[in-house]
Amino acid sequence: MTRKWSYMVIFSLLLIVPLVAIGGEGGAKKKRRKKAKMVKIRTVASVGSLMVGQRLVLGELSKTVKSETTPKTLETIAHLSEVLAELSNVNSVGQKKESGYRKFARTLRDHALKLRDKAKTEPTEADDMLALITQIKNTCSACHNQFR
């Protein structure tokens, strides 16, 4: 793993704000589990920081998709796609007033998850993955044209 890649993963993981689920009690007896409560979260990263994270992940994702298709690169594509999707989720959380902005973030997330699924499905077509990268970049450009 290269130093740049390590820093990118660390940076991306620091930006991801997990939802905390509080479940029921476990134990030897079978008990009916209580429904998990979702704790409301507040983002800690600025939109600018999230954009930097998305740009770094998308750049690495684009390079990886264009490289030789091997099981290792497909696994990397799947992981990077999930990170991009999660960054899009977090990015949309802090944007309550801008419904159009949130729609772009959800579209980006959906394209990233399609790319992840494509990387996990055999046979994997590089052209299909490149088309999804183009859709992701087009979504970014459309959002930036409207909200920058």
N, C-alpha and C. Protein backbone atom coordinates (compact mmCIF):
# COMPACT_ATOMS: atom_id res chain seq x y z
N MET A 1 0.86 -1.17 0.00
CA MET A 1 0.00 0.00 0.00
C MET A 1 0.91 1.23 0.00
N THR A 2 0.69 2.14 -0.92
CA THR A 2 1.51 3.32 -1.00
C THR A 2 1.16 4.30 0.10
N ARG A 3 2.10 5.21 0.35
CA ARG A 3 1.88 6.21 1.40
C ARG A 3 0.68 7.08 1.05
N LYS A 4 0.59 7.50 -0.25
CA LYS A 4 -0.54 8.33 -0.67
C LYS A 4 -1.86 7.61 -0.42
N TRP A 5 -1.91 6.34 -0.79
CA TRP A 5 -3.12 5.54 -0.59
C TRP A 5 -3.45 5.45 0.89
N SER A 6 -2.43 5.24 1.74
CA SER A 6 -2.66 5.13 3.19
C SER A 6 -3.25 6.42 3.74
N TYR A 7 -2.67 7.55 3.34
CA TYR A 7 -3.18 8.82 3.81
C TYR A 7 -4.61 9.05 3.34
N MET A 8 -4.89 8.65 2.08
CA MET A 8 -6.23 8.85 1.54
C MET A 8 -7.25 8.03 2.32
N VAL A 9 -6.90 6.78 2.63
CA VAL A 9 -7.82 5.93 3.38
C VAL A 9 -8.04 6.49 4.78
N ILE A 10 -6.97 6.90 5.44
CA ILE A 10 -7.10 7.47 6.78
C ILE A 10 -7.95 8.73 6.74
N PHE A 11 -7.68 9.61 5.79
CA PHE A 11 -8.44 10.86 5.66
C PHE A 11 -9.91 10.55 5.42
N SER A 12 -10.19 9.60 4.53
CA SER A 12 -11.57 9.26 4.22
C SER A 12 -12.29 8.66 5.42
N LEU A 13 -11.59 7.79 6.14
CA LEU A 13 -12.23 7.16 7.30
C LEU A 13 -12.49 8.17 8.41
N LEU A 14 -11.63 9.17 8.52
CA LEU A 14 -11.87 10.21 9.53
C LEU A 14 -13.11 11.03 9.21
N LEU A 15 -13.45 11.12 7.92
CA LEU A 15 -14.61 11.91 7.53
C LEU A 15 -15.92 11.16 7.67
N ILE A 16 -15.83 9.85 7.68
CA ILE A 16 -17.05 9.05 7.74
C ILE A 16 -17.57 9.05 9.17
N VAL A 17 -18.80 9.47 9.31
CA VAL A 17 -19.42 9.52 10.63
C VAL A 17 -20.40 8.36 10.72
N PRO A 18 -20.04 7.31 11.49
CA PRO A 18 -20.94 6.16 11.56
C PRO A 18 -22.18 6.45 12.39
N LEU A 19 -23.25 5.82 12.02
CA LEU A 19 -24.46 5.86 12.85
C LEU A 19 -24.29 4.83 13.95
N VAL A 20 -24.69 5.17 15.12
CA VAL A 20 -24.54 4.28 16.26
C VAL A 20 -25.88 3.61 16.53
N ALA A 21 -25.87 2.31 16.47
CA ALA A 21 -27.11 1.56 16.74
C ALA A 21 -27.03 1.00 18.16
N ILE A 22 -28.08 1.19 18.88
CA ILE A 22 -28.14 0.66 20.24
C ILE A 22 -29.16 -0.47 20.21
N GLY A 23 -28.67 -1.69 20.38
CA GLY A 23 -29.55 -2.85 20.25
C GLY A 23 -30.05 -3.34 21.59
N GLY A 24 -30.79 -4.47 21.55
CA GLY A 24 -31.31 -5.08 22.76
C GLY A 24 -30.24 -5.91 23.45
N GLU A 25 -30.59 -6.49 24.55
CA GLU A 25 -29.66 -7.30 25.33
C GLU A 25 -29.52 -8.68 24.71
N GLY A 26 -28.31 -9.23 24.77
CA GLY A 26 -28.08 -10.60 24.34
C GLY A 26 -28.20 -11.51 25.55
N GLY A 27 -27.96 -12.78 25.39
CA GLY A 27 -28.00 -13.66 26.55
C GLY A 27 -28.31 -15.08 26.13
N ALA A 28 -28.26 -15.98 27.12
CA ALA A 28 -28.47 -17.38 26.83
C ALA A 28 -29.92 -17.65 26.44
N LYS A 29 -30.86 -17.01 27.13
CA LYS A 29 -32.26 -17.21 26.80
C LYS A 29 -32.60 -16.43 25.55
N LYS A 30 -33.52 -17.00 24.80
CA LYS A 30 -33.98 -16.28 23.61
C LYS A 30 -34.95 -15.21 24.05
N LYS A 31 -34.55 -14.00 23.82
CA LYS A 31 -35.41 -12.87 24.15
C LYS A 31 -35.75 -12.15 22.86
N ARG A 32 -36.87 -11.56 22.88
CA ARG A 32 -37.24 -10.75 21.74
C ARG A 32 -36.39 -9.47 21.78
N ARG A 33 -35.68 -9.23 20.71
CA ARG A 33 -34.82 -8.05 20.68
C ARG A 33 -35.62 -6.79 20.49
N LYS A 34 -35.20 -5.78 21.20
CA LYS A 34 -35.82 -4.47 21.02
C LYS A 34 -35.33 -3.89 19.70
N LYS A 35 -36.16 -3.09 19.12
CA LYS A 35 -35.76 -2.42 17.91
C LYS A 35 -34.61 -1.48 18.21
N ALA A 36 -33.61 -1.49 17.36
CA ALA A 36 -32.45 -0.62 17.57
C ALA A 36 -32.86 0.84 17.39
N LYS A 37 -32.35 1.68 18.26
CA LYS A 37 -32.59 3.11 18.14
C LYS A 37 -31.43 3.70 17.36
N MET A 38 -31.73 4.59 16.46
CA MET A 38 -30.68 5.28 15.73
C MET A 38 -30.43 6.61 16.43
N VAL A 39 -29.20 6.84 16.75
CA VAL A 39 -28.82 8.07 17.41
C VAL A 39 -28.60 9.13 16.34
N LYS A 40 -29.18 10.29 16.53
CA LYS A 40 -29.02 11.37 15.57
C LYS A 40 -27.57 11.83 15.59
N ILE A 41 -27.01 12.01 14.41
CA ILE A 41 -25.62 12.43 14.32
C ILE A 41 -25.52 13.86 13.80
N ARG A 42 -24.39 14.45 14.06
CA ARG A 42 -24.08 15.77 13.54
C ARG A 42 -22.75 15.66 12.83
N THR A 43 -22.68 16.15 11.61
CA THR A 43 -21.42 16.05 10.88
C THR A 43 -20.38 16.94 11.54
N VAL A 44 -19.13 16.52 11.44
CA VAL A 44 -18.04 17.29 12.01
C VAL A 44 -17.17 17.91 10.92
N ALA A 45 -17.27 17.42 9.70
CA ALA A 45 -16.46 17.93 8.60
C ALA A 45 -17.22 19.01 7.84
N SER A 46 -16.48 19.97 7.35
CA SER A 46 -17.10 21.01 6.52
C SER A 46 -17.37 20.44 5.13
N VAL A 47 -18.23 21.12 4.38
CA VAL A 47 -18.52 20.69 3.02
C VAL A 47 -17.22 20.69 2.20
N GLY A 48 -16.37 21.69 2.43
CA GLY A 48 -15.10 21.74 1.70
C GLY A 48 -14.23 20.52 1.97
N SER A 49 -14.17 20.09 3.22
CA SER A 49 -13.39 18.89 3.57
C SER A 49 -13.98 17.64 2.92
N LEU A 50 -15.29 17.56 2.92
CA LEU A 50 -15.94 16.41 2.28
C LEU A 50 -15.67 16.39 0.78
N MET A 51 -15.67 17.57 0.17
CA MET A 51 -15.38 17.65 -1.27
C MET A 51 -13.95 17.21 -1.57
N VAL A 52 -13.01 17.61 -0.71
CA VAL A 52 -11.62 17.17 -0.89
C VAL A 52 -11.56 15.64 -0.80
N GLY A 53 -12.23 15.08 0.20
CA GLY A 53 -12.27 13.62 0.35
C GLY A 53 -12.88 12.94 -0.85
N GLN A 54 -13.99 13.47 -1.34
CA GLN A 54 -14.64 12.88 -2.51
C GLN A 54 -13.73 12.97 -3.73
N ARG A 55 -13.06 14.12 -3.90
CA ARG A 55 -12.18 14.30 -5.05
C ARG A 55 -11.01 13.31 -5.00
N LEU A 56 -10.42 13.12 -3.81
CA LEU A 56 -9.31 12.17 -3.67
C LEU A 56 -9.75 10.75 -3.99
N VAL A 57 -10.88 10.36 -3.43
CA VAL A 57 -11.38 9.00 -3.65
C VAL A 57 -11.75 8.81 -5.12
N LEU A 58 -12.42 9.79 -5.72
CA LEU A 58 -12.82 9.67 -7.12
C LEU A 58 -11.59 9.60 -8.04
N GLY A 59 -10.55 10.39 -7.73
CA GLY A 59 -9.32 10.34 -8.53
C GLY A 59 -8.68 8.96 -8.48
N GLU A 60 -8.58 8.40 -7.28
CA GLU A 60 -8.00 7.06 -7.14
C GLU A 60 -8.90 6.01 -7.79
N LEU A 61 -10.18 6.19 -7.68
CA LEU A 61 -11.15 5.27 -8.29
C LEU A 61 -11.02 5.30 -9.81
N SER A 62 -10.90 6.47 -10.39
CA SER A 62 -10.76 6.60 -11.85
C SER A 62 -9.50 5.90 -12.34
N LYS A 63 -8.38 6.12 -11.63
CA LYS A 63 -7.13 5.46 -12.02
C LYS A 63 -7.25 3.95 -11.93
N THR A 64 -7.88 3.48 -10.88
CA THR A 64 -7.99 2.04 -10.66
C THR A 64 -8.88 1.39 -11.71
N VAL A 65 -9.97 2.05 -12.08
CA VAL A 65 -10.87 1.51 -13.10
C VAL A 65 -10.16 1.41 -14.45
N LYS A 66 -9.29 2.37 -14.73
CA LYS A 66 -8.57 2.39 -16.01
C LYS A 66 -7.41 1.40 -16.05
N SER A 67 -7.00 0.88 -14.90
CA SER A 67 -5.89 -0.07 -14.85
C SER A 67 -6.36 -1.47 -15.24
N GLU A 68 -5.42 -2.39 -15.27
CA GLU A 68 -5.74 -3.77 -15.63
C GLU A 68 -6.75 -4.35 -14.64
N THR A 69 -7.74 -5.06 -15.16
CA THR A 69 -8.78 -5.65 -14.32
C THR A 69 -8.29 -6.97 -13.74
N THR A 70 -8.03 -6.95 -12.44
CA THR A 70 -7.62 -8.15 -11.71
C THR A 70 -8.54 -8.27 -10.50
N PRO A 71 -8.56 -9.42 -9.86
CA PRO A 71 -9.37 -9.54 -8.64
C PRO A 71 -9.02 -8.48 -7.60
N LYS A 72 -7.74 -8.14 -7.48
CA LYS A 72 -7.31 -7.13 -6.50
C LYS A 72 -7.83 -5.74 -6.87
N THR A 73 -7.75 -5.38 -8.16
CA THR A 73 -8.24 -4.05 -8.55
C THR A 73 -9.76 -3.98 -8.42
N LEU A 74 -10.44 -5.06 -8.71
CA LEU A 74 -11.90 -5.07 -8.55
C LEU A 74 -12.29 -4.90 -7.09
N GLU A 75 -11.52 -5.53 -6.21
CA GLU A 75 -11.78 -5.37 -4.77
C GLU A 75 -11.53 -3.92 -4.35
N THR A 76 -10.46 -3.33 -4.86
CA THR A 76 -10.15 -1.93 -4.56
C THR A 76 -11.25 -1.01 -5.08
N ILE A 77 -11.75 -1.27 -6.28
CA ILE A 77 -12.84 -0.48 -6.86
C ILE A 77 -14.08 -0.57 -5.97
N ALA A 78 -14.39 -1.77 -5.52
CA ALA A 78 -15.57 -1.96 -4.65
C ALA A 78 -15.40 -1.16 -3.36
N HIS A 79 -14.21 -1.22 -2.76
CA HIS A 79 -13.98 -0.51 -1.49
C HIS A 79 -14.03 1.00 -1.68
N LEU A 80 -13.35 1.49 -2.71
CA LEU A 80 -13.35 2.93 -2.97
C LEU A 80 -14.75 3.43 -3.29
N SER A 81 -15.52 2.63 -4.01
CA SER A 81 -16.90 3.02 -4.33
C SER A 81 -17.74 3.16 -3.08
N GLU A 82 -17.55 2.25 -2.13
CA GLU A 82 -18.28 2.34 -0.86
C GLU A 82 -17.86 3.58 -0.08
N VAL A 83 -16.57 3.90 -0.08
CA VAL A 83 -16.11 5.10 0.63
C VAL A 83 -16.72 6.35 -0.01
N LEU A 84 -16.73 6.39 -1.35
CA LEU A 84 -17.33 7.53 -2.05
C LEU A 84 -18.83 7.63 -1.74
N ALA A 85 -19.51 6.50 -1.72
CA ALA A 85 -20.94 6.50 -1.39
C ALA A 85 -21.18 7.01 0.03
N GLU A 86 -20.33 6.58 0.97
CA GLU A 86 -20.50 7.01 2.36
C GLU A 86 -20.18 8.49 2.51
N LEU A 87 -19.15 8.97 1.83
CA LEU A 87 -18.86 10.41 1.87
C LEU A 87 -20.05 11.20 1.32
N SER A 88 -20.70 10.68 0.30
CA SER A 88 -21.89 11.34 -0.25
C SER A 88 -23.03 11.35 0.77
N ASN A 89 -23.18 10.26 1.50
CA ASN A 89 -24.20 10.21 2.57
C ASN A 89 -23.94 11.29 3.60
N VAL A 90 -22.71 11.34 4.08
CA VAL A 90 -22.36 12.32 5.11
C VAL A 90 -22.52 13.73 4.56
N ASN A 91 -22.13 13.94 3.32
CA ASN A 91 -22.23 15.25 2.70
C ASN A 91 -23.68 15.72 2.64
N SER A 92 -24.61 14.82 2.45
CA SER A 92 -26.02 15.21 2.35
C SER A 92 -26.64 15.48 3.72
N VAL A 93 -26.07 14.92 4.78
CA VAL A 93 -26.65 15.07 6.12
C VAL A 93 -26.67 16.52 6.57
N GLY A 94 -25.58 17.24 6.33
CA GLY A 94 -25.49 18.60 6.82
C GLY A 94 -26.16 19.63 5.94
N GLN A 95 -26.80 19.22 4.88
CA GLN A 95 -27.37 20.16 3.92
C GLN A 95 -28.90 20.10 3.96
N LYS A 96 -29.50 20.54 5.04
CA LYS A 96 -30.94 20.41 5.23
C LYS A 96 -31.74 21.35 4.33
N LYS A 97 -31.23 22.55 4.09
CA LYS A 97 -32.01 23.55 3.36
C LYS A 97 -31.96 23.35 1.85
N GLU A 98 -30.90 22.76 1.36
CA GLU A 98 -30.71 22.63 -0.08
C GLU A 98 -31.17 21.26 -0.56
N SER A 99 -32.45 21.11 -0.85
CA SER A 99 -32.96 19.81 -1.26
C SER A 99 -32.36 19.36 -2.59
N GLY A 100 -32.09 20.30 -3.48
CA GLY A 100 -31.45 19.95 -4.75
C GLY A 100 -30.04 19.42 -4.52
N TYR A 101 -29.35 20.01 -3.58
CA TYR A 101 -28.01 19.57 -3.22
C TYR A 101 -28.05 18.14 -2.69
N ARG A 102 -29.00 17.89 -1.84
CA ARG A 102 -29.14 16.54 -1.29
C ARG A 102 -29.47 15.52 -2.38
N LYS A 103 -30.26 15.95 -3.37
CA LYS A 103 -30.58 15.05 -4.49
C LYS A 103 -29.31 14.69 -5.26
N PHE A 104 -28.44 15.68 -5.49
CA PHE A 104 -27.18 15.38 -6.17
C PHE A 104 -26.33 14.41 -5.34
N ALA A 105 -26.30 14.62 -4.03
CA ALA A 105 -25.52 13.73 -3.15
C ALA A 105 -26.07 12.30 -3.19
N ARG A 106 -27.39 12.17 -3.20
CA ARG A 106 -28.00 10.83 -3.29
C ARG A 106 -27.72 10.19 -4.64
N THR A 107 -27.76 10.99 -5.71
CA THR A 107 -27.47 10.45 -7.05
C THR A 107 -26.02 9.97 -7.11
N LEU A 108 -25.11 10.76 -6.56
CA LEU A 108 -23.71 10.36 -6.52
C LEU A 108 -23.55 9.05 -5.75
N ARG A 109 -24.21 8.97 -4.60
CA ARG A 109 -24.16 7.75 -3.79
C ARG A 109 -24.67 6.55 -4.58
N ASP A 110 -25.80 6.73 -5.27
CA ASP A 110 -26.38 5.62 -6.04
C ASP A 110 -25.45 5.15 -7.16
N HIS A 111 -24.82 6.10 -7.86
CA HIS A 111 -23.87 5.73 -8.92
C HIS A 111 -22.66 4.99 -8.33
N ALA A 112 -22.18 5.46 -7.19
CA ALA A 112 -21.04 4.81 -6.55
C ALA A 112 -21.39 3.38 -6.13
N LEU A 113 -22.60 3.19 -5.62
CA LEU A 113 -23.02 1.84 -5.22
C LEU A 113 -23.22 0.93 -6.44
N LYS A 114 -23.69 1.49 -7.55
CA LYS A 114 -23.79 0.70 -8.79
C LYS A 114 -22.40 0.26 -9.25
N LEU A 115 -21.43 1.17 -9.12
CA LEU A 115 -20.06 0.83 -9.50
C LEU A 115 -19.51 -0.28 -8.59
N ARG A 116 -19.80 -0.17 -7.30
CA ARG A 116 -19.39 -1.24 -6.37
C ARG A 116 -19.99 -2.57 -6.78
N ASP A 117 -21.29 -2.56 -7.07
CA ASP A 117 -21.96 -3.80 -7.46
C ASP A 117 -21.39 -4.35 -8.76
N LYS A 118 -21.07 -3.46 -9.69
CA LYS A 118 -20.50 -3.88 -10.98
C LYS A 118 -19.14 -4.53 -10.75
N ALA A 119 -18.34 -3.98 -9.83
CA ALA A 119 -17.02 -4.54 -9.54
C ALA A 119 -17.12 -5.91 -8.88
N LYS A 120 -18.22 -6.16 -8.18
CA LYS A 120 -18.40 -7.44 -7.49
C LYS A 120 -19.08 -8.50 -8.35
N THR A 121 -19.58 -8.09 -9.53
CA THR A 121 -20.33 -9.01 -10.39
C THR A 121 -19.42 -9.52 -11.50
N GLU A 122 -19.49 -10.81 -11.74
CA GLU A 122 -18.69 -11.37 -12.84
C GLU A 122 -19.62 -11.74 -13.98
N PRO A 123 -19.22 -11.60 -15.23
CA PRO A 123 -17.97 -10.97 -15.66
C PRO A 123 -18.08 -9.45 -15.55
N THR A 124 -16.97 -8.84 -15.21
CA THR A 124 -16.93 -7.40 -15.04
C THR A 124 -16.44 -6.76 -16.33
N GLU A 125 -17.21 -5.82 -16.84
CA GLU A 125 -16.86 -5.11 -18.06
C GLU A 125 -16.26 -3.76 -17.68
N ALA A 126 -15.03 -3.53 -18.13
CA ALA A 126 -14.36 -2.26 -17.83
C ALA A 126 -15.13 -1.08 -18.42
N ASP A 127 -15.72 -1.27 -19.60
CA ASP A 127 -16.47 -0.18 -20.23
C ASP A 127 -17.68 0.23 -19.40
N ASP A 128 -18.34 -0.74 -18.77
CA ASP A 128 -19.48 -0.43 -17.91
C ASP A 128 -19.03 0.39 -16.69
N MET A 129 -17.88 0.01 -16.13
CA MET A 129 -17.38 0.75 -14.98
C MET A 129 -16.93 2.16 -15.38
N LEU A 130 -16.32 2.29 -16.54
CA LEU A 130 -15.92 3.61 -17.03
C LEU A 130 -17.14 4.50 -17.26
N ALA A 131 -18.22 3.90 -17.76
CA ALA A 131 -19.46 4.66 -17.97
C ALA A 131 -20.00 5.17 -16.64
N LEU A 132 -19.91 4.36 -15.60
CA LEU A 132 -20.37 4.80 -14.28
C LEU A 132 -19.48 5.90 -13.71
N ILE A 133 -18.17 5.80 -13.95
CA ILE A 133 -17.26 6.88 -13.52
C ILE A 133 -17.66 8.18 -14.21
N THR A 134 -18.00 8.10 -15.50
CA THR A 134 -18.44 9.29 -16.24
C THR A 134 -19.72 9.85 -15.64
N GLN A 135 -20.66 8.98 -15.27
CA GLN A 135 -21.91 9.44 -14.64
C GLN A 135 -21.62 10.12 -13.30
N ILE A 136 -20.68 9.57 -12.54
CA ILE A 136 -20.31 10.17 -11.26
C ILE A 136 -19.72 11.56 -11.49
N LYS A 137 -18.80 11.66 -12.44
CA LYS A 137 -18.17 12.96 -12.72
C LYS A 137 -19.20 13.97 -13.23
N ASN A 138 -20.14 13.50 -14.06
CA ASN A 138 -21.19 14.40 -14.56
C ASN A 138 -22.09 14.90 -13.42
N THR A 139 -22.36 14.03 -12.45
CA THR A 139 -23.16 14.42 -11.28
C THR A 139 -22.41 15.48 -10.48
N CYS A 140 -21.12 15.27 -10.29
CA CYS A 140 -20.30 16.26 -9.57
C CYS A 140 -20.32 17.60 -10.30
N SER A 141 -20.13 17.58 -11.61
CA SER A 141 -20.10 18.82 -12.39
C SER A 141 -21.43 19.55 -12.33
N ALA A 142 -22.52 18.81 -12.46
CA ALA A 142 -23.85 19.42 -12.42
C ALA A 142 -24.10 20.07 -11.06
N CYS A 143 -23.71 19.39 -9.99
CA CYS A 143 -23.88 19.95 -8.64
C CYS A 143 -23.03 21.21 -8.47
N HIS A 144 -21.77 21.12 -8.91
CA HIS A 144 -20.87 22.27 -8.76
C HIS A 144 -21.36 23.46 -9.59
N ASN A 145 -21.92 23.20 -10.75
CA ASN A 145 -22.46 24.29 -11.57
C ASN A 145 -23.60 25.02 -10.86
N GLN A 146 -24.39 24.28 -10.09
CA GLN A 146 -25.53 24.88 -9.42
C GLN A 146 -25.19 25.46 -8.05
N PHE A 147 -24.28 24.85 -7.31
CA PHE A 147 -24.09 25.23 -5.91
C PHE A 147 -22.75 25.84 -5.57
N ARG A 148 -21.84 25.94 -6.49
CA ARG A 148 -20.55 26.57 -6.18
C ARG A 148 -20.63 28.05 -6.25
